[in-house]
PDB file of all heavy atoms in Angstrom:
ATOM      1  N   ARG A   1     -10.599   1.742  -7.884  1.00  0.00           N
ATOM      2  CA  ARG A   1     -11.093   2.178  -6.609  1.00  0.00           C
ATOM      3  C   ARG A   1      -9.923   2.204  -5.600  1.00  0.00           C
ATOM      4  O   ARG A   1      -8.852   1.621  -5.886  1.00  0.00           O
ATOM      5  CB  ARG A   1     -12.204   1.287  -6.037  1.00  0.00           C
ATOM      6  CG  ARG A   1     -11.760  -0.132  -5.803  1.00  0.00           C
ATOM      7  CD  ARG A   1     -12.838  -0.923  -5.092  1.00  0.00           C
ATOM      8  NE  ARG A   1     -14.001  -1.111  -5.885  1.00  0.00           N
ATOM      9  CZ  ARG A   1     -14.218  -2.081  -6.743  1.00  0.00           C
ATOM     10  NH1 ARG A   1     -13.277  -3.014  -6.882  1.00  0.00           N
ATOM     11  NH2 ARG A   1     -15.315  -2.222  -7.476  1.00  0.00           N
ATOM     12  N   GLY A   2     -10.140   2.891  -4.472  1.00  0.00           N
ATOM     13  CA  GLY A   2      -9.145   2.864  -3.431  1.00  0.00           C
ATOM     14  C   GLY A   2      -9.303   1.622  -2.529  1.00  0.00           C
ATOM     15  O   GLY A   2     -10.036   0.662  -2.875  1.00  0.00           O
ATOM     16  N   VAL A   3      -8.638   1.629  -1.409  1.00  0.00           N
ATOM     17  CA  VAL A   3      -8.758   0.543  -0.422  1.00  0.00           C
ATOM     18  C   VAL A   3      -9.887   0.936   0.484  1.00  0.00           C
ATOM     19  O   VAL A   3      -9.861   1.945   1.202  1.00  0.00           O
ATOM     20  CB  VAL A   3      -7.443   0.406   0.396  1.00  0.00           C
ATOM     21  CG1 VAL A   3      -7.615  -0.688   1.438  1.00  0.00           C
ATOM     22  CG2 VAL A   3      -6.294   0.047  -0.604  1.00  0.00           C
ATOM     23  N   VAL A   4     -10.927   0.134   0.474  1.00  0.00           N
ATOM     24  CA  VAL A   4     -12.121   0.351   1.285  1.00  0.00           C
ATOM     25  C   VAL A   4     -11.983  -0.370   2.637  1.00  0.00           C
ATOM     26  O   VAL A   4     -11.445  -1.463   2.742  1.00  0.00           O
ATOM     27  CB  VAL A   4     -13.375  -0.153   0.553  1.00  0.00           C
ATOM     28  CG1 VAL A   4     -14.605   0.067   1.415  1.00  0.00           C
ATOM     29  CG2 VAL A   4     -13.550   0.493  -0.811  1.00  0.00           C
ATOM     30  N   GLY A   5     -12.424   0.350   3.662  1.00  0.00           N
ATOM     31  CA  GLY A   5     -12.374  -0.286   5.022  1.00  0.00           C
ATOM     32  C   GLY A   5     -11.678   0.582   6.045  1.00  0.00           C
ATOM     33  O   GLY A   5     -10.833   1.472   5.681  1.00  0.00           O
ATOM     34  N   SER A   6     -11.969   0.315   7.335  1.00  0.00           N
ATOM     35  CA  SER A   6     -11.400   1.081   8.407  1.00  0.00           C
ATOM     36  C   SER A   6     -10.708   0.192   9.366  1.00  0.00           C
ATOM     37  O   SER A   6     -10.255   0.653  10.458  1.00  0.00           O
ATOM     38  CB  SER A   6     -12.475   1.910   9.100  1.00  0.00           C
ATOM     39  OG  SER A   6     -13.514   1.073   9.591  1.00  0.00           O
ATOM     40  N   SER A   7     -10.599  -1.120   9.116  1.00  0.00           N
ATOM     41  CA  SER A   7      -9.941  -2.007  10.066  1.00  0.00           C
ATOM     42  C   SER A   7      -8.392  -1.731  10.035  1.00  0.00           C
ATOM     43  O   SER A   7      -7.874  -1.059   9.133  1.00  0.00           O
ATOM     44  CB  SER A   7     -10.205  -3.487   9.650  1.00  0.00           C
ATOM     45  OG  SER A   7      -9.569  -3.778   8.403  1.00  0.00           O
ATOM     46  N   ARG A   8      -7.686  -2.312  10.976  1.00  0.00           N
ATOM     47  CA  ARG A   8      -6.260  -2.119  10.972  1.00  0.00           C
ATOM     48  C   ARG A   8      -5.591  -2.768   9.754  1.00  0.00           C
ATOM     49  O   ARG A   8      -4.544  -2.329   9.281  1.00  0.00           O
ATOM     50  CB  ARG A   8      -5.627  -2.724  12.261  1.00  0.00           C
ATOM     51  CG  ARG A   8      -5.809  -4.213  12.453  1.00  0.00           C
ATOM     52  CD  ARG A   8      -5.252  -4.632  13.805  1.00  0.00           C
ATOM     53  NE  ARG A   8      -5.424  -6.094  14.024  1.00  0.00           N
ATOM     54  CZ  ARG A   8      -4.483  -7.001  13.706  1.00  0.00           C
ATOM     55  NH1 ARG A   8      -3.371  -6.617  13.139  1.00  0.00           N
ATOM     56  NH2 ARG A   8      -4.733  -8.233  13.988  1.00  0.00           N
ATOM     57  N   TYR A   9      -6.235  -3.817   9.225  1.00  0.00           N
ATOM     58  CA  TYR A   9      -5.677  -4.440   7.972  1.00  0.00           C
ATOM     59  C   TYR A   9      -5.763  -3.462   6.802  1.00  0.00           C
ATOM     60  O   TYR A   9      -4.836  -3.362   6.027  1.00  0.00           O
ATOM     61  CB  TYR A   9      -6.435  -5.728   7.691  1.00  0.00           C
ATOM     62  CG  TYR A   9      -6.280  -6.801   8.705  1.00  0.00           C
ATOM     63  CD1 TYR A   9      -7.330  -7.038   9.632  1.00  0.00           C
ATOM     64  CD2 TYR A   9      -5.162  -7.553   8.854  1.00  0.00           C
ATOM     65  CE1 TYR A   9      -7.214  -8.027  10.590  1.00  0.00           C
ATOM     66  CE2 TYR A   9      -4.997  -8.521   9.779  1.00  0.00           C
ATOM     67  CZ  TYR A   9      -6.045  -8.744  10.662  1.00  0.00           C
ATOM     68  OH  TYR A   9      -5.925  -9.710  11.658  1.00  0.00           O
ATOM     69  N   ALA A  10      -6.959  -2.791   6.700  1.00  0.00           N
ATOM     70  CA  ALA A  10      -7.108  -1.845   5.608  1.00  0.00           C
ATOM     71  C   ALA A  10      -6.166  -0.633   5.808  1.00  0.00           C
ATOM     72  O   ALA A  10      -5.585  -0.169   4.797  1.00  0.00           O
ATOM     73  CB  ALA A  10      -8.540  -1.360   5.552  1.00  0.00           C
ATOM     74  N   ARG A  11      -6.026  -0.178   7.044  1.00  0.00           N
ATOM     75  CA  ARG A  11      -5.116   0.954   7.265  1.00  0.00           C
ATOM     76  C   ARG A  11      -3.651   0.586   6.957  1.00  0.00           C
ATOM     77  O   ARG A  11      -2.939   1.382   6.350  1.00  0.00           O
ATOM     78  CB  ARG A  11      -5.250   1.439   8.754  1.00  0.00           C
ATOM     79  CG  ARG A  11      -6.619   2.006   9.063  1.00  0.00           C
ATOM     80  CD  ARG A  11      -6.534   2.775  10.380  1.00  0.00           C
ATOM     81  NE  ARG A  11      -6.104   1.926  11.533  1.00  0.00           N
ATOM     82  CZ  ARG A  11      -6.916   1.220  12.278  1.00  0.00           C
ATOM     83  NH1 ARG A  11      -8.247   1.293  12.093  1.00  0.00           N
ATOM     84  NH2 ARG A  11      -6.464   0.501  13.272  1.00  0.00           N
ATOM     85  N   ASN A  12      -3.285  -0.580   7.372  1.00  0.00           N
ATOM     86  CA  ASN A  12      -1.871  -1.029   7.066  1.00  0.00           C
ATOM     87  C   ASN A  12      -1.647  -1.172   5.556  1.00  0.00           C
ATOM     88  O   ASN A  12      -0.559  -0.879   5.046  1.00  0.00           O
ATOM     89  CB  ASN A  12      -1.595  -2.353   7.800  1.00  0.00           C
ATOM     90  CG  ASN A  12      -1.557  -2.226   9.301  1.00  0.00           C
ATOM     91  OD1 ASN A  12      -1.384  -1.149   9.811  1.00  0.00           O
ATOM     92  ND2 ASN A  12      -1.691  -3.332   9.988  1.00  0.00           N
ATOM     93  N   LEU A  13      -2.674  -1.676   4.857  1.00  0.00           N
ATOM     94  CA  LEU A  13      -2.558  -1.816   3.415  1.00  0.00           C
ATOM     95  C   LEU A  13      -2.443  -0.480   2.723  1.00  0.00           C
ATOM     96  O   LEU A  13      -1.630  -0.292   1.828  1.00  0.00           O
ATOM     97  CB  LEU A  13      -3.749  -2.590   2.888  1.00  0.00           C
ATOM     98  CG  LEU A  13      -3.735  -2.987   1.348  1.00  0.00           C
ATOM     99  CD1 LEU A  13      -2.528  -3.759   1.037  1.00  0.00           C
ATOM    100  CD2 LEU A  13      -4.990  -3.706   1.020  1.00  0.00           C
ATOM    101  N   ARG A  14      -3.215   0.480   3.172  1.00  0.00           N
ATOM    102  CA  ARG A  14      -3.131   1.873   2.617  1.00  0.00           C
ATOM    103  C   ARG A  14      -1.752   2.484   2.873  1.00  0.00           C
ATOM    104  O   ARG A  14      -1.165   3.101   1.994  1.00  0.00           O
ATOM    105  CB  ARG A  14      -4.220   2.742   3.162  1.00  0.00           C
ATOM    106  CG  ARG A  14      -5.559   2.627   2.435  1.00  0.00           C
ATOM    107  CD  ARG A  14      -6.510   3.742   2.871  1.00  0.00           C
ATOM    108  NE  ARG A  14      -6.939   3.586   4.224  1.00  0.00           N
ATOM    109  CZ  ARG A  14      -8.074   2.949   4.572  1.00  0.00           C
ATOM    110  NH1 ARG A  14      -8.825   2.427   3.650  1.00  0.00           N
ATOM    111  NH2 ARG A  14      -8.408   2.835   5.835  1.00  0.00           N
ATOM    112  N   ASP A  15      -1.256   2.234   4.069  1.00  0.00           N
ATOM    113  CA  ASP A  15       0.094   2.805   4.396  1.00  0.00           C
ATOM    114  C   ASP A  15       1.174   2.165   3.529  1.00  0.00           C
ATOM    115  O   ASP A  15       2.077   2.861   3.036  1.00  0.00           O
ATOM    116  CB  ASP A  15       0.430   2.537   5.858  1.00  0.00           C
ATOM    117  CG  ASP A  15      -0.432   3.355   6.820  1.00  0.00           C
ATOM    118  OD1 ASP A  15      -1.037   4.344   6.349  1.00  0.00           O
ATOM    119  OD2 ASP A  15      -0.553   2.987   8.001  1.00  0.00           O
ATOM    120  N   ALA A  16       1.067   0.867   3.299  1.00  0.00           N
ATOM    121  CA  ALA A  16       2.062   0.197   2.421  1.00  0.00           C
ATOM    122  C   ALA A  16       1.999   0.698   0.998  1.00  0.00           C
ATOM    123  O   ALA A  16       3.052   0.875   0.345  1.00  0.00           O
ATOM    124  CB  ALA A  16       1.807  -1.332   2.471  1.00  0.00           C
ATOM    125  N   ILE A  17       0.783   0.959   0.492  1.00  0.00           N
ATOM    126  CA  ILE A  17       0.652   1.486  -0.859  1.00  0.00           C
ATOM    127  C   ILE A  17       1.188   2.896  -0.943  1.00  0.00           C
ATOM    128  O   ILE A  17       1.905   3.261  -1.915  1.00  0.00           O
ATOM    129  CB  ILE A  17      -0.838   1.423  -1.293  1.00  0.00           C
ATOM    130  CG1 ILE A  17      -1.284  -0.028  -1.462  1.00  0.00           C
ATOM    131  CG2 ILE A  17      -1.070   2.226  -2.556  1.00  0.00           C
ATOM    132  CD1 ILE A  17      -2.774  -0.178  -1.729  1.00  0.00           C
ATOM    133  N   ARG A  18       0.906   3.717   0.050  1.00  0.00           N
ATOM    134  CA  ARG A  18       1.460   5.092   0.022  1.00  0.00           C
ATOM    135  C   ARG A  18       2.977   5.085   0.093  1.00  0.00           C
ATOM    136  O   ARG A  18       3.630   5.886  -0.639  1.00  0.00           O
ATOM    137  CB  ARG A  18       0.861   5.881   1.228  1.00  0.00           C
ATOM    138  CG  ARG A  18      -0.470   6.464   0.968  1.00  0.00           C
ATOM    139  CD  ARG A  18      -0.812   7.520   1.986  1.00  0.00           C
ATOM    140  NE  ARG A  18      -1.055   6.913   3.318  1.00  0.00           N
ATOM    141  CZ  ARG A  18      -2.250   6.620   3.803  1.00  0.00           C
ATOM    142  NH1 ARG A  18      -3.337   6.796   3.032  1.00  0.00           N
ATOM    143  NH2 ARG A  18      -2.362   6.040   4.978  1.00  0.00           N
ATOM    144  N   GLN A  19       3.554   4.238   0.882  1.00  0.00           N
ATOM    145  CA  GLN A  19       5.013   4.152   0.976  1.00  0.00           C
ATOM    146  C   GLN A  19       5.653   3.701  -0.350  1.00  0.00           C
ATOM    147  O   GLN A  19       6.689   4.239  -0.797  1.00  0.00           O
ATOM    148  CB  GLN A  19       5.466   3.217   2.114  1.00  0.00           C
ATOM    149  CG  GLN A  19       5.113   3.756   3.469  1.00  0.00           C
ATOM    150  CD  GLN A  19       5.386   2.727   4.574  1.00  0.00           C
ATOM    151  OE1 GLN A  19       5.979   1.710   4.316  1.00  0.00           O
ATOM    152  NE2 GLN A  19       4.900   3.026   5.833  1.00  0.00           N
ATOM    153  N   ALA A  20       5.029   2.693  -0.968  1.00  0.00           N
ATOM    154  CA  ALA A  20       5.526   2.207  -2.267  1.00  0.00           C
ATOM    155  C   ALA A  20       5.364   3.292  -3.332  1.00  0.00           C
ATOM    156  O   ALA A  20       6.277   3.464  -4.207  1.00  0.00           O
ATOM    157  CB  ALA A  20       4.811   0.923  -2.688  1.00  0.00           C
ATOM    158  N   ALA A  21       4.282   4.080  -3.316  1.00  0.00           N
ATOM    159  CA  ALA A  21       4.062   5.151  -4.291  1.00  0.00           C
ATOM    160  C   ALA A  21       5.056   6.303  -4.110  1.00  0.00           C
ATOM    161  O   ALA A  21       5.498   6.889  -5.071  1.00  0.00           O
ATOM    162  CB  ALA A  21       2.651   5.645  -4.205  1.00  0.00           C
ATOM    163  N   ALA A  22       5.436   6.522  -2.856  1.00  0.00           N
ATOM    164  CA  ALA A  22       6.384   7.615  -2.571  1.00  0.00           C
ATOM    165  C   ALA A  22       7.840   7.245  -2.709  1.00  0.00           C
ATOM    166  O   ALA A  22       8.723   8.070  -2.492  1.00  0.00           O
ATOM    167  CB  ALA A  22       6.099   8.165  -1.185  1.00  0.00           C
ATOM    168  N   ASP A  23       8.126   6.034  -3.080  1.00  0.00           N
ATOM    169  CA  ASP A  23       9.504   5.537  -3.206  1.00  0.00           C
ATOM    170  C   ASP A  23      10.181   6.227  -4.364  1.00  0.00           C
ATOM    171  O   ASP A  23       9.897   5.929  -5.534  1.00  0.00           O
ATOM    172  CB  ASP A  23       9.527   4.023  -3.362  1.00  0.00           C
ATOM    173  CG  ASP A  23      10.941   3.441  -3.397  1.00  0.00           C
ATOM    174  OD1 ASP A  23      11.844   4.206  -3.112  1.00  0.00           O
ATOM    175  OD2 ASP A  23      11.055   2.235  -3.778  1.00  0.00           O
ATOM    176  N   ARG A  24      11.148   7.051  -4.113  1.00  0.00           N
ATOM    177  CA  ARG A  24      11.821   7.817  -5.190  1.00  0.00           C
ATOM    178  C   ARG A  24      12.813   6.943  -5.951  1.00  0.00           C
ATOM    179  O   ARG A  24      13.163   7.251  -7.064  1.00  0.00           O
ATOM    180  CB  ARG A  24      12.569   9.008  -4.584  1.00  0.00           C
ATOM    181  CG  ARG A  24      11.598  10.058  -3.959  1.00  0.00           C
ATOM    182  CD  ARG A  24      12.344  11.318  -3.550  1.00  0.00           C
ATOM    183  NE  ARG A  24      11.449  12.301  -3.043  1.00  0.00           N
ATOM    184  CZ  ARG A  24      10.738  13.172  -3.822  1.00  0.00           C
ATOM    185  NH1 ARG A  24      10.932  13.143  -5.122  1.00  0.00           N
ATOM    186  NH2 ARG A  24       9.976  14.010  -3.300  1.00  0.00           N
ATOM    187  N   GLU A  25      13.232   5.839  -5.375  1.00  0.00           N
ATOM    188  CA  GLU A  25      14.104   4.928  -6.068  1.00  0.00           C
ATOM    189  C   GLU A  25      13.370   3.980  -6.999  1.00  0.00           C
ATOM    190  O   GLU A  25      14.033   3.193  -7.737  1.00  0.00           O
ATOM    191  CB  GLU A  25      14.970   4.128  -5.054  1.00  0.00           C
ATOM    192  CG  GLU A  25      15.841   5.017  -4.187  1.00  0.00           C
ATOM    193  CD  GLU A  25      16.702   4.193  -3.247  1.00  0.00           C
ATOM    194  OE1 GLU A  25      16.581   2.933  -3.265  1.00  0.00           O
ATOM    195  OE2 GLU A  25      17.472   4.757  -2.477  1.00  0.00           O
ATOM    196  N   ARG A  26      12.089   3.974  -6.939  1.00  0.00           N
ATOM    197  CA  ARG A  26      11.231   3.206  -7.847  1.00  0.00           C
ATOM    198  C   ARG A  26      11.590   1.701  -7.744  1.00  0.00           C
ATOM    199  O   ARG A  26      11.733   1.010  -8.768  1.00  0.00           O
ATOM    200  CB  ARG A  26      11.318   3.671  -9.253  1.00  0.00           C
ATOM    201  CG  ARG A  26      11.029   5.173  -9.415  1.00  0.00           C
ATOM    202  CD  ARG A  26      11.172   5.636 -10.857  1.00  0.00           C
ATOM    203  NE  ARG A  26      10.061   5.144 -11.642  1.00  0.00           N
ATOM    204  CZ  ARG A  26      10.035   5.155 -12.999  1.00  0.00           C
ATOM    205  NH1 ARG A  26      11.117   5.557 -13.638  1.00  0.00           N
ATOM    206  NH2 ARG A  26       8.948   4.770 -13.669  1.00  0.00           N
ATOM    207  N   GLN A  27      11.662   1.212  -6.532  1.00  0.00           N
ATOM    208  CA  GLN A  27      11.956  -0.236  -6.339  1.00  0.00           C
ATOM    209  C   GLN A  27      10.842  -1.051  -6.916  1.00  0.00           C
ATOM    210  O   GLN A  27       9.635  -0.703  -6.866  1.00  0.00           O
ATOM    211  CB  GLN A  27      12.115  -0.501  -4.811  1.00  0.00           C
ATOM    212  CG  GLN A  27      13.404  -0.026  -4.194  1.00  0.00           C
ATOM    213  CD  GLN A  27      14.578  -0.841  -4.647  1.00  0.00           C
ATOM    214  OE1 GLN A  27      14.422  -2.092  -4.847  1.00  0.00           O
ATOM    215  NE2 GLN A  27      15.713  -0.238  -4.750  1.00  0.00           N
ATOM    216  N   PRO A  28      11.113  -2.251  -7.433  1.00  0.00           N
ATOM    217  CA  PRO A  28      10.052  -3.171  -7.848  1.00  0.00           C
ATOM    218  C   PRO A  28       9.199  -3.530  -6.705  1.00  0.00           C
ATOM    219  O   PRO A  28       9.664  -3.596  -5.534  1.00  0.00           O
ATOM    220  CB  PRO A  28      10.828  -4.373  -8.414  1.00  0.00           C
ATOM    221  CG  PRO A  28      12.197  -3.872  -8.737  1.00  0.00           C
ATOM    222  CD  PRO A  28      12.457  -2.799  -7.762  1.00  0.00           C
ATOM    223  N   VAL A  29       7.924  -3.811  -6.938  1.00  0.00           N
ATOM    224  CA  VAL A  29       6.953  -4.142  -5.906  1.00  0.00           C
ATOM    225  C   VAL A  29       6.292  -5.464  -6.255  1.00  0.00           C
ATOM    226  O   VAL A  29       5.871  -5.678  -7.386  1.00  0.00           O
ATOM    227  CB  VAL A  29       5.858  -3.027  -5.735  1.00  0.00           C
ATOM    228  CG1 VAL A  29       4.879  -3.409  -4.696  1.00  0.00           C
ATOM    229  CG2 VAL A  29       6.518  -1.698  -5.442  1.00  0.00           C
ATOM    230  N   LEU A  30       6.197  -6.315  -5.288  1.00  0.00           N
ATOM    231  CA  LEU A  30       5.472  -7.609  -5.414  1.00  0.00           C
ATOM    232  C   LEU A  30       4.314  -7.620  -4.468  1.00  0.00           C
ATOM    233  O   LEU A  30       4.460  -7.565  -3.280  1.00  0.00           O
ATOM    234  CB  LEU A  30       6.422  -8.810  -5.139  1.00  0.00           C
ATOM    235  CG  LEU A  30       5.731 -10.179  -5.103  1.00  0.00           C
ATOM    236  CD1 LEU A  30       5.062 -10.478  -6.442  1.00  0.00           C
ATOM    237  CD2 LEU A  30       6.731 -11.296  -4.731  1.00  0.00           C
ATOM    238  N   ILE A  31       3.098  -7.633  -5.073  1.00  0.00           N
ATOM    239  CA  ILE A  31       1.841  -7.610  -4.276  1.00  0.00           C
ATOM    240  C   ILE A  31       1.315  -9.058  -4.321  1.00  0.00           C
ATOM    241  O   ILE A  31       1.018  -9.538  -5.453  1.00  0.00           O
ATOM    242  CB  ILE A  31       0.843  -6.630  -4.889  1.00  0.00           C
ATOM    243  CG1 ILE A  31       1.433  -5.218  -4.961  1.00  0.00           C
ATOM    244  CG2 ILE A  31      -0.442  -6.602  -4.008  1.00  0.00           C
ATOM    245  CD1 ILE A  31       0.540  -4.230  -5.748  1.00  0.00           C
ATOM    246  N   PHE A  32       1.187  -9.718  -3.208  1.00  0.00           N
ATOM    247  CA  PHE A  32       0.736 -11.097  -3.199  1.00  0.00           C
ATOM    248  C   PHE A  32      -0.394 -11.296  -2.234  1.00  0.00           C
ATOM    249  O   PHE A  32      -0.595 -10.559  -1.263  1.00  0.00           O
ATOM    250  CB  PHE A  32       1.919 -12.027  -2.825  1.00  0.00           C
ATOM    251  CG  PHE A  32       2.436 -11.901  -1.437  1.00  0.00           C
ATOM    252  CD1 PHE A  32       2.023 -12.752  -0.444  1.00  0.00           C
ATOM    253  CD2 PHE A  32       3.357 -10.879  -1.131  1.00  0.00           C
ATOM    254  CE1 PHE A  32       2.547 -12.624   0.885  1.00  0.00           C
ATOM    255  CE2 PHE A  32       3.839 -10.766   0.158  1.00  0.00           C
ATOM    256  CZ  PHE A  32       3.425 -11.615   1.160  1.00  0.00           C
ATOM    257  N   GLY A  33      -1.247 -12.279  -2.564  1.00  0.00           N
ATOM    258  CA  GLY A  33      -2.370 -12.632  -1.767  1.00  0.00           C
ATOM    259  C   GLY A  33      -3.296 -13.602  -2.479  1.00  0.00           C
ATOM    260  O   GLY A  33      -3.015 -13.990  -3.640  1.00  0.00           O
TER     261      GLY A  33
END
């Protein structure tokens, strides 16, 4: 599923995922929580 929600936390999380997906250098990603 995608990121559900309309709060600023959900919007920021979606933006971070989009930026990581668009990274052409394919940097490693650490997702923590």
